[in-house]
Amino acid sequence: MGGKRKNGVPGYSSCGVVSLLSWNINSMVSCGNLKIDDPITLELLNKHDIICLQEVRTEAPIPNYAGFFSLRNSQRSGGVAILIKRNIVEGFSVIHNANPDIFIGKLCHKFFGFDKDIFIINVYARPENASGTSILSGEDPVLCVDTTA
């Protein structure tokens, strides 16, 4: 994500961008172990300021990050999370909605020095053959993005 900053954020790199990673983690736990306990995985995650996870199924803390989770009642699939590095979490706010497969957060333009607020929308659209109703049921998804922020 190339949101350019005008002002420095204490404890934040001076590269002028916010780094974002999106990952369908397909459960935080595999074979009884947290996937994030793997040193290689943790090294990859720590390279990013914001991490959007899909199919988290359960909450799990990640060192150096504040976690915002939206979980379904069913543990079989779904659930989303946005993780924000603790040194920039002050500039992040949650936009509440009723769908557990959609999580919306806002990066405050004043905190980051952006021209405008930036909204992060993390979505898990379950397959049509999954139990429950998909948010895209019977539709062909279209992604519309305005990158002028």
N, C-alpha and C. Protein backbone atom coordinates (compact mmCIF):
# COMPACT_ATOMS: atom_id res chain seq x y z
N MET A 1 0.86 -1.16 0.00
CA MET A 1 0.00 0.00 0.00
C MET A 1 0.90 1.21 0.00
N GLY A 2 0.75 2.10 -0.91
CA GLY A 2 1.66 3.21 -1.06
C GLY A 2 1.15 4.51 -0.51
N GLY A 3 0.50 4.51 0.66
CA GLY A 3 0.05 5.76 1.24
C GLY A 3 1.25 6.58 1.68
N LYS A 4 1.46 7.74 1.06
CA LYS A 4 2.63 8.56 1.38
C LYS A 4 2.35 9.42 2.60
N ARG A 5 3.36 9.54 3.47
CA ARG A 5 3.23 10.34 4.68
C ARG A 5 3.92 11.68 4.49
N LYS A 6 3.35 12.73 5.08
CA LYS A 6 3.98 14.05 5.08
C LYS A 6 4.85 14.23 6.30
N ASN A 7 4.40 13.73 7.44
CA ASN A 7 5.08 13.92 8.72
C ASN A 7 5.55 12.59 9.26
N GLY A 8 6.63 12.61 10.02
CA GLY A 8 7.13 11.39 10.62
C GLY A 8 6.27 10.94 11.79
N VAL A 9 6.16 9.65 11.98
CA VAL A 9 5.47 9.07 13.12
C VAL A 9 6.54 8.53 14.05
N PRO A 10 6.52 8.89 15.35
CA PRO A 10 7.55 8.41 16.26
C PRO A 10 7.70 6.89 16.21
N GLY A 11 8.93 6.42 16.12
CA GLY A 11 9.20 4.99 16.08
C GLY A 11 8.86 4.35 14.75
N TYR A 12 8.62 5.16 13.74
CA TYR A 12 8.19 4.64 12.44
C TYR A 12 9.27 4.95 11.41
N SER A 13 9.45 4.06 10.44
CA SER A 13 10.50 4.26 9.43
C SER A 13 10.21 5.51 8.61
N SER A 14 11.23 6.05 8.04
CA SER A 14 11.09 7.29 7.27
C SER A 14 10.90 7.03 5.78
N CYS A 15 10.51 5.82 5.40
CA CYS A 15 10.40 5.48 3.98
C CYS A 15 9.21 6.14 3.31
N GLY A 16 8.26 6.68 4.08
CA GLY A 16 7.14 7.40 3.50
C GLY A 16 5.98 6.55 3.03
N VAL A 17 5.96 5.26 3.33
CA VAL A 17 4.86 4.41 2.92
C VAL A 17 4.43 3.51 4.07
N VAL A 18 3.21 3.00 3.96
CA VAL A 18 2.70 2.01 4.91
C VAL A 18 2.68 0.69 4.16
N SER A 19 3.27 -0.33 4.75
CA SER A 19 3.37 -1.64 4.11
C SER A 19 2.24 -2.53 4.58
N LEU A 20 1.52 -3.14 3.62
CA LEU A 20 0.37 -3.97 3.93
C LEU A 20 0.54 -5.36 3.33
N LEU A 21 0.17 -6.38 4.10
CA LEU A 21 0.19 -7.77 3.64
C LEU A 21 -1.21 -8.34 3.82
N SER A 22 -1.71 -9.05 2.82
CA SER A 22 -2.97 -9.76 2.92
C SER A 22 -2.69 -11.24 2.74
N TRP A 23 -3.29 -12.08 3.66
CA TRP A 23 -2.98 -13.51 3.63
C TRP A 23 -4.20 -14.31 4.08
N ASN A 24 -4.66 -15.23 3.25
CA ASN A 24 -5.67 -16.20 3.68
C ASN A 24 -4.90 -17.26 4.45
N ILE A 25 -4.91 -17.12 5.76
CA ILE A 25 -4.10 -17.98 6.63
C ILE A 25 -4.73 -19.37 6.80
N ASN A 26 -6.02 -19.52 6.46
CA ASN A 26 -6.71 -20.81 6.53
C ASN A 26 -6.50 -21.45 7.90
N SER A 27 -6.81 -20.70 8.94
CA SER A 27 -6.71 -21.07 10.35
C SER A 27 -5.36 -20.66 10.91
N MET A 28 -5.42 -20.10 12.10
CA MET A 28 -4.20 -19.67 12.79
C MET A 28 -3.43 -20.87 13.34
N VAL A 29 -4.11 -22.03 13.42
CA VAL A 29 -3.51 -23.22 14.02
C VAL A 29 -3.39 -24.33 12.97
N SER A 30 -2.24 -24.98 12.95
CA SER A 30 -2.02 -26.12 12.05
C SER A 30 -1.30 -27.20 12.84
N CYS A 31 -1.84 -28.40 12.82
CA CYS A 31 -1.25 -29.54 13.55
C CYS A 31 -1.00 -29.20 15.01
N GLY A 32 -1.92 -28.44 15.61
CA GLY A 32 -1.82 -28.10 17.02
C GLY A 32 -0.88 -26.95 17.34
N ASN A 33 -0.24 -26.37 16.32
CA ASN A 33 0.71 -25.27 16.55
C ASN A 33 0.21 -23.99 15.87
N LEU A 34 0.49 -22.86 16.49
CA LEU A 34 0.17 -21.59 15.86
C LEU A 34 1.09 -21.37 14.67
N LYS A 35 0.51 -21.04 13.53
CA LYS A 35 1.32 -20.79 12.33
C LYS A 35 2.27 -19.63 12.53
N ILE A 36 1.86 -18.67 13.35
CA ILE A 36 2.71 -17.50 13.56
C ILE A 36 3.90 -17.77 14.48
N ASP A 37 3.95 -18.94 15.10
CA ASP A 37 5.11 -19.30 15.92
C ASP A 37 6.30 -19.73 15.07
N ASP A 38 6.07 -19.98 13.79
CA ASP A 38 7.15 -20.36 12.89
C ASP A 38 8.05 -19.14 12.66
N PRO A 39 9.37 -19.25 12.92
CA PRO A 39 10.26 -18.09 12.78
C PRO A 39 10.27 -17.47 11.38
N ILE A 40 10.15 -18.28 10.34
CA ILE A 40 10.15 -17.75 8.97
C ILE A 40 8.87 -16.95 8.72
N THR A 41 7.74 -17.46 9.19
CA THR A 41 6.47 -16.76 9.05
C THR A 41 6.50 -15.45 9.82
N LEU A 42 7.00 -15.50 11.05
CA LEU A 42 7.07 -14.30 11.88
C LEU A 42 7.97 -13.25 11.25
N GLU A 43 9.08 -13.68 10.65
CA GLU A 43 9.98 -12.75 9.98
C GLU A 43 9.27 -12.06 8.81
N LEU A 44 8.49 -12.82 8.04
CA LEU A 44 7.73 -12.24 6.93
C LEU A 44 6.70 -11.23 7.44
N LEU A 45 5.95 -11.60 8.46
CA LEU A 45 4.92 -10.72 8.99
C LEU A 45 5.52 -9.42 9.51
N ASN A 46 6.64 -9.49 10.19
CA ASN A 46 7.25 -8.32 10.79
C ASN A 46 7.78 -7.31 9.78
N LYS A 47 7.81 -7.68 8.52
CA LYS A 47 8.24 -6.74 7.46
C LYS A 47 7.12 -5.78 7.09
N HIS A 48 5.92 -5.99 7.63
CA HIS A 48 4.76 -5.20 7.23
C HIS A 48 4.15 -4.46 8.42
N ASP A 49 3.61 -3.28 8.14
CA ASP A 49 2.98 -2.46 9.17
C ASP A 49 1.56 -2.92 9.47
N ILE A 50 0.87 -3.38 8.43
CA ILE A 50 -0.52 -3.80 8.55
C ILE A 50 -0.66 -5.17 7.91
N ILE A 51 -1.34 -6.08 8.61
CA ILE A 51 -1.55 -7.43 8.09
C ILE A 51 -3.05 -7.71 8.09
N CYS A 52 -3.58 -8.04 6.93
CA CYS A 52 -4.98 -8.44 6.80
C CYS A 52 -5.01 -9.95 6.66
N LEU A 53 -5.71 -10.62 7.56
CA LEU A 53 -5.80 -12.08 7.53
C LEU A 53 -7.24 -12.50 7.26
N GLN A 54 -7.39 -13.55 6.47
CA GLN A 54 -8.70 -14.13 6.21
C GLN A 54 -8.69 -15.58 6.72
N GLU A 55 -9.86 -16.06 7.10
CA GLU A 55 -10.06 -17.40 7.66
C GLU A 55 -9.22 -17.61 8.92
N VAL A 56 -9.24 -16.64 9.81
CA VAL A 56 -8.44 -16.76 11.04
C VAL A 56 -9.02 -17.78 12.01
N ARG A 57 -10.34 -17.88 12.06
CA ARG A 57 -11.09 -18.84 12.90
C ARG A 57 -10.95 -18.63 14.40
N THR A 58 -9.85 -18.07 14.86
CA THR A 58 -9.66 -17.83 16.29
C THR A 58 -8.69 -16.67 16.47
N GLU A 59 -8.75 -16.05 17.63
CA GLU A 59 -7.81 -14.96 17.91
C GLU A 59 -6.49 -15.53 18.39
N ALA A 60 -5.41 -14.93 17.96
CA ALA A 60 -4.08 -15.32 18.42
C ALA A 60 -3.20 -14.07 18.40
N PRO A 61 -2.53 -13.77 19.50
CA PRO A 61 -1.69 -12.58 19.52
C PRO A 61 -0.43 -12.76 18.67
N ILE A 62 -0.03 -11.67 18.04
CA ILE A 62 1.22 -11.66 17.29
C ILE A 62 2.09 -10.59 17.93
N PRO A 63 3.31 -10.92 18.33
CA PRO A 63 4.17 -9.94 19.00
C PRO A 63 4.32 -8.67 18.16
N ASN A 64 4.30 -7.53 18.83
CA ASN A 64 4.49 -6.19 18.24
C ASN A 64 3.28 -5.68 17.46
N TYR A 65 2.16 -6.43 17.47
CA TYR A 65 0.97 -6.01 16.74
C TYR A 65 -0.24 -5.95 17.66
N ALA A 66 -1.11 -4.98 17.38
CA ALA A 66 -2.44 -4.94 18.00
C ALA A 66 -3.37 -5.66 17.03
N GLY A 67 -4.18 -6.58 17.53
CA GLY A 67 -5.05 -7.37 16.68
C GLY A 67 -6.51 -6.97 16.81
N PHE A 68 -7.18 -6.84 15.67
CA PHE A 68 -8.61 -6.54 15.62
C PHE A 68 -9.26 -7.67 14.84
N PHE A 69 -10.09 -8.45 15.52
CA PHE A 69 -10.64 -9.68 14.95
C PHE A 69 -12.15 -9.58 14.78
N SER A 70 -12.65 -10.18 13.72
CA SER A 70 -14.08 -10.35 13.49
C SER A 70 -14.29 -11.83 13.18
N LEU A 71 -14.82 -12.55 14.16
CA LEU A 71 -14.92 -14.00 14.05
C LEU A 71 -16.37 -14.45 13.89
N ARG A 72 -16.56 -15.54 13.17
CA ARG A 72 -17.87 -16.17 13.04
C ARG A 72 -18.11 -17.09 14.22
N ASN A 73 -19.36 -17.44 14.42
CA ASN A 73 -19.68 -18.43 15.45
C ASN A 73 -19.14 -19.80 15.06
N SER A 74 -19.14 -20.10 13.77
CA SER A 74 -18.63 -21.38 13.27
C SER A 74 -17.11 -21.35 13.21
N GLN A 75 -16.48 -22.41 13.64
CA GLN A 75 -15.02 -22.49 13.59
C GLN A 75 -14.53 -23.17 12.31
N ARG A 76 -15.45 -23.56 11.41
CA ARG A 76 -15.06 -24.30 10.21
C ARG A 76 -14.34 -23.44 9.18
N SER A 77 -14.73 -22.20 9.06
CA SER A 77 -14.09 -21.32 8.09
C SER A 77 -14.40 -19.89 8.45
N GLY A 78 -13.77 -18.99 7.73
CA GLY A 78 -14.08 -17.57 7.84
C GLY A 78 -13.44 -16.87 9.01
N GLY A 79 -13.89 -15.66 9.19
CA GLY A 79 -13.32 -14.77 10.19
C GLY A 79 -12.17 -13.99 9.57
N VAL A 80 -12.11 -12.71 9.90
CA VAL A 80 -11.06 -11.86 9.36
C VAL A 80 -10.41 -11.07 10.49
N ALA A 81 -9.22 -10.59 10.23
CA ALA A 81 -8.50 -9.79 11.22
C ALA A 81 -7.64 -8.76 10.51
N ILE A 82 -7.45 -7.65 11.20
CA ILE A 82 -6.47 -6.66 10.77
C ILE A 82 -5.51 -6.48 11.94
N LEU A 83 -4.24 -6.64 11.68
CA LEU A 83 -3.19 -6.48 12.68
C LEU A 83 -2.39 -5.23 12.33
N ILE A 84 -2.17 -4.38 13.32
CA ILE A 84 -1.48 -3.11 13.13
C ILE A 84 -0.28 -3.07 14.07
N LYS A 85 0.88 -2.68 13.55
CA LYS A 85 2.05 -2.54 14.42
C LYS A 85 1.71 -1.58 15.55
N ARG A 86 2.14 -1.94 16.75
CA ARG A 86 1.77 -1.17 17.94
C ARG A 86 2.22 0.29 17.87
N ASN A 87 3.33 0.57 17.19
CA ASN A 87 3.82 1.94 17.16
C ASN A 87 2.99 2.86 16.25
N ILE A 88 2.05 2.31 15.48
CA ILE A 88 1.19 3.14 14.64
C ILE A 88 -0.30 2.92 14.91
N VAL A 89 -0.63 2.07 15.89
CA VAL A 89 -2.03 1.72 16.14
C VAL A 89 -2.85 2.94 16.55
N GLU A 90 -2.22 3.95 17.10
CA GLU A 90 -2.92 5.17 17.50
C GLU A 90 -3.60 5.85 16.30
N GLY A 91 -3.05 5.65 15.11
CA GLY A 91 -3.62 6.26 13.91
C GLY A 91 -4.66 5.40 13.21
N PHE A 92 -5.07 4.30 13.85
CA PHE A 92 -6.02 3.35 13.25
C PHE A 92 -7.31 3.35 14.06
N SER A 93 -8.44 3.29 13.36
CA SER A 93 -9.73 3.13 14.05
C SER A 93 -10.58 2.12 13.31
N VAL A 94 -11.46 1.48 14.07
CA VAL A 94 -12.34 0.44 13.54
C VAL A 94 -13.67 1.07 13.13
N ILE A 95 -14.14 0.69 11.93
CA ILE A 95 -15.46 1.10 11.45
C ILE A 95 -16.35 -0.13 11.63
N HIS A 96 -17.30 -0.05 12.55
CA HIS A 96 -18.12 -1.22 12.89
C HIS A 96 -19.13 -1.55 11.80
N ASN A 97 -19.33 -2.86 11.58
CA ASN A 97 -20.37 -3.36 10.68
C ASN A 97 -20.84 -4.69 11.23
N ALA A 98 -21.94 -5.19 10.73
CA ALA A 98 -22.56 -6.39 11.29
C ALA A 98 -22.10 -7.69 10.66
N ASN A 99 -21.33 -7.65 9.58
CA ASN A 99 -20.93 -8.87 8.88
C ASN A 99 -19.59 -9.37 9.41
N PRO A 100 -19.52 -10.58 9.99
CA PRO A 100 -18.26 -11.08 10.53
C PRO A 100 -17.20 -11.41 9.47
N ASP A 101 -17.60 -11.41 8.20
CA ASP A 101 -16.64 -11.69 7.13
C ASP A 101 -16.09 -10.42 6.49
N ILE A 102 -16.43 -9.28 7.06
CA ILE A 102 -15.93 -8.00 6.57
C ILE A 102 -15.42 -7.20 7.76
N PHE A 103 -14.20 -6.71 7.64
CA PHE A 103 -13.64 -5.86 8.69
C PHE A 103 -13.15 -4.58 8.03
N ILE A 104 -13.57 -3.45 8.56
CA ILE A 104 -13.21 -2.17 7.98
C ILE A 104 -12.44 -1.36 9.02
N GLY A 105 -11.32 -0.84 8.60
CA GLY A 105 -10.52 0.01 9.46
C GLY A 105 -10.13 1.28 8.72
N LYS A 106 -9.77 2.30 9.47
CA LYS A 106 -9.41 3.58 8.87
C LYS A 106 -8.04 4.03 9.38
N LEU A 107 -7.19 4.45 8.45
CA LEU A 107 -5.93 5.08 8.79
C LEU A 107 -6.16 6.59 8.76
N CYS A 108 -5.94 7.26 9.88
CA CYS A 108 -6.20 8.68 10.02
C CYS A 108 -5.16 9.50 9.27
N HIS A 109 -5.63 10.34 8.37
CA HIS A 109 -4.72 11.14 7.56
C HIS A 109 -3.87 12.09 8.41
N LYS A 110 -4.41 12.59 9.50
CA LYS A 110 -3.65 13.51 10.36
C LYS A 110 -2.49 12.79 11.04
N PHE A 111 -2.72 11.59 11.51
CA PHE A 111 -1.68 10.82 12.19
C PHE A 111 -0.55 10.45 11.22
N PHE A 112 -0.92 9.96 10.04
CA PHE A 112 0.06 9.48 9.08
C PHE A 112 0.57 10.57 8.15
N GLY A 113 -0.11 11.71 8.11
CA GLY A 113 0.30 12.78 7.22
C GLY A 113 -0.14 12.56 5.78
N PHE A 114 -1.18 11.74 5.59
CA PHE A 114 -1.73 11.51 4.25
C PHE A 114 -2.60 12.72 3.87
N ASP A 115 -2.91 12.83 2.60
CA ASP A 115 -3.84 13.86 2.14
C ASP A 115 -5.27 13.55 2.57
N LYS A 116 -5.62 12.25 2.63
CA LYS A 116 -6.97 11.81 3.00
C LYS A 116 -6.86 10.59 3.90
N ASP A 117 -7.95 10.30 4.61
CA ASP A 117 -8.01 9.04 5.35
C ASP A 117 -7.96 7.89 4.36
N ILE A 118 -7.39 6.78 4.79
CA ILE A 118 -7.34 5.57 3.97
C ILE A 118 -8.14 4.49 4.68
N PHE A 119 -9.06 3.88 3.96
CA PHE A 119 -9.89 2.81 4.51
C PHE A 119 -9.37 1.47 4.04
N ILE A 120 -9.23 0.55 4.98
CA ILE A 120 -8.81 -0.81 4.68
C ILE A 120 -10.03 -1.70 4.87
N ILE A 121 -10.41 -2.42 3.85
CA ILE A 121 -11.56 -3.31 3.92
C ILE A 121 -11.06 -4.73 3.68
N ASN A 122 -11.12 -5.54 4.71
CA ASN A 122 -10.64 -6.91 4.66
C ASN A 122 -11.87 -7.82 4.58
N VAL A 123 -11.95 -8.62 3.51
CA VAL A 123 -13.16 -9.41 3.25
C VAL A 123 -12.79 -10.88 3.04
N TYR A 124 -13.58 -11.75 3.63
CA TYR A 124 -13.53 -13.17 3.28
C TYR A 124 -14.86 -13.52 2.66
N ALA A 125 -14.85 -13.86 1.37
CA ALA A 125 -16.06 -14.27 0.67
C ALA A 125 -16.03 -15.78 0.55
N ARG A 126 -16.80 -16.44 1.41
CA ARG A 126 -16.76 -17.91 1.42
C ARG A 126 -17.31 -18.47 0.11
N PRO A 127 -16.85 -19.65 -0.27
CA PRO A 127 -17.32 -20.27 -1.51
C PRO A 127 -18.82 -20.52 -1.48
N GLU A 128 -19.44 -20.55 -2.64
CA GLU A 128 -20.89 -20.76 -2.71
C GLU A 128 -21.30 -22.10 -2.13
N ASN A 129 -20.45 -23.13 -2.20
CA ASN A 129 -20.82 -24.44 -1.69
C ASN A 129 -20.59 -24.58 -0.19
N ALA A 130 -20.12 -23.51 0.48
CA ALA A 130 -19.92 -23.55 1.93
C ALA A 130 -21.27 -23.36 2.62
N SER A 131 -21.34 -23.80 3.88
CA SER A 131 -22.58 -23.61 4.63
C SER A 131 -22.77 -22.12 4.90
N GLY A 132 -24.01 -21.70 4.94
CA GLY A 132 -24.31 -20.29 5.15
C GLY A 132 -24.43 -19.57 3.82
N THR A 133 -24.57 -18.28 3.89
CA THR A 133 -24.74 -17.48 2.68
C THR A 133 -23.49 -16.68 2.43
N SER A 134 -22.96 -16.81 1.25
CA SER A 134 -21.80 -16.02 0.86
C SER A 134 -22.24 -14.61 0.55
N ILE A 135 -21.38 -13.64 0.85
CA ILE A 135 -21.71 -12.26 0.53
C ILE A 135 -21.75 -12.05 -0.98
N LEU A 136 -21.17 -12.98 -1.74
CA LEU A 136 -21.15 -12.88 -3.19
C LEU A 136 -21.98 -13.96 -3.85
N SER A 137 -22.87 -14.58 -3.10
CA SER A 137 -23.65 -15.70 -3.60
C SER A 137 -24.34 -15.38 -4.92
N GLY A 138 -24.03 -16.17 -5.95
CA GLY A 138 -24.65 -16.02 -7.25
C GLY A 138 -24.15 -14.84 -8.05
N GLU A 139 -23.11 -14.19 -7.59
CA GLU A 139 -22.61 -12.99 -8.26
C GLU A 139 -21.18 -13.21 -8.74
N ASP A 140 -20.79 -12.43 -9.73
CA ASP A 140 -19.40 -12.37 -10.15
C ASP A 140 -18.80 -11.16 -9.46
N PRO A 141 -17.79 -11.37 -8.60
CA PRO A 141 -17.26 -10.25 -7.84
C PRO A 141 -16.54 -9.24 -8.73
N VAL A 142 -16.66 -7.99 -8.36
CA VAL A 142 -15.96 -6.90 -9.02
C VAL A 142 -15.27 -6.10 -7.92
N LEU A 143 -14.00 -5.85 -8.07
CA LEU A 143 -13.25 -5.10 -7.11
C LEU A 143 -13.02 -3.70 -7.66
N CYS A 144 -13.47 -2.69 -6.94
CA CYS A 144 -13.29 -1.31 -7.36
C CYS A 144 -12.39 -0.63 -6.33
N VAL A 145 -11.33 -0.02 -6.79
CA VAL A 145 -10.38 0.60 -5.87
C VAL A 145 -10.04 1.99 -6.38
N ASP A 146 -10.06 2.96 -5.46
CA ASP A 146 -9.61 4.31 -5.76
C ASP A 146 -8.27 4.47 -5.09
N THR A 147 -7.21 4.59 -5.86
CA THR A 147 -5.87 4.66 -5.29
C THR A 147 -5.33 6.08 -5.29
N THR A 148 -6.20 7.07 -5.28
CA THR A 148 -5.74 8.46 -5.29
C THR A 148 -5.44 9.00 -3.90
N ALA A 149 -5.58 8.16 -2.87
CA ALA A 149 -5.37 8.63 -1.50
C ALA A 149 -3.99 9.09 -1.28
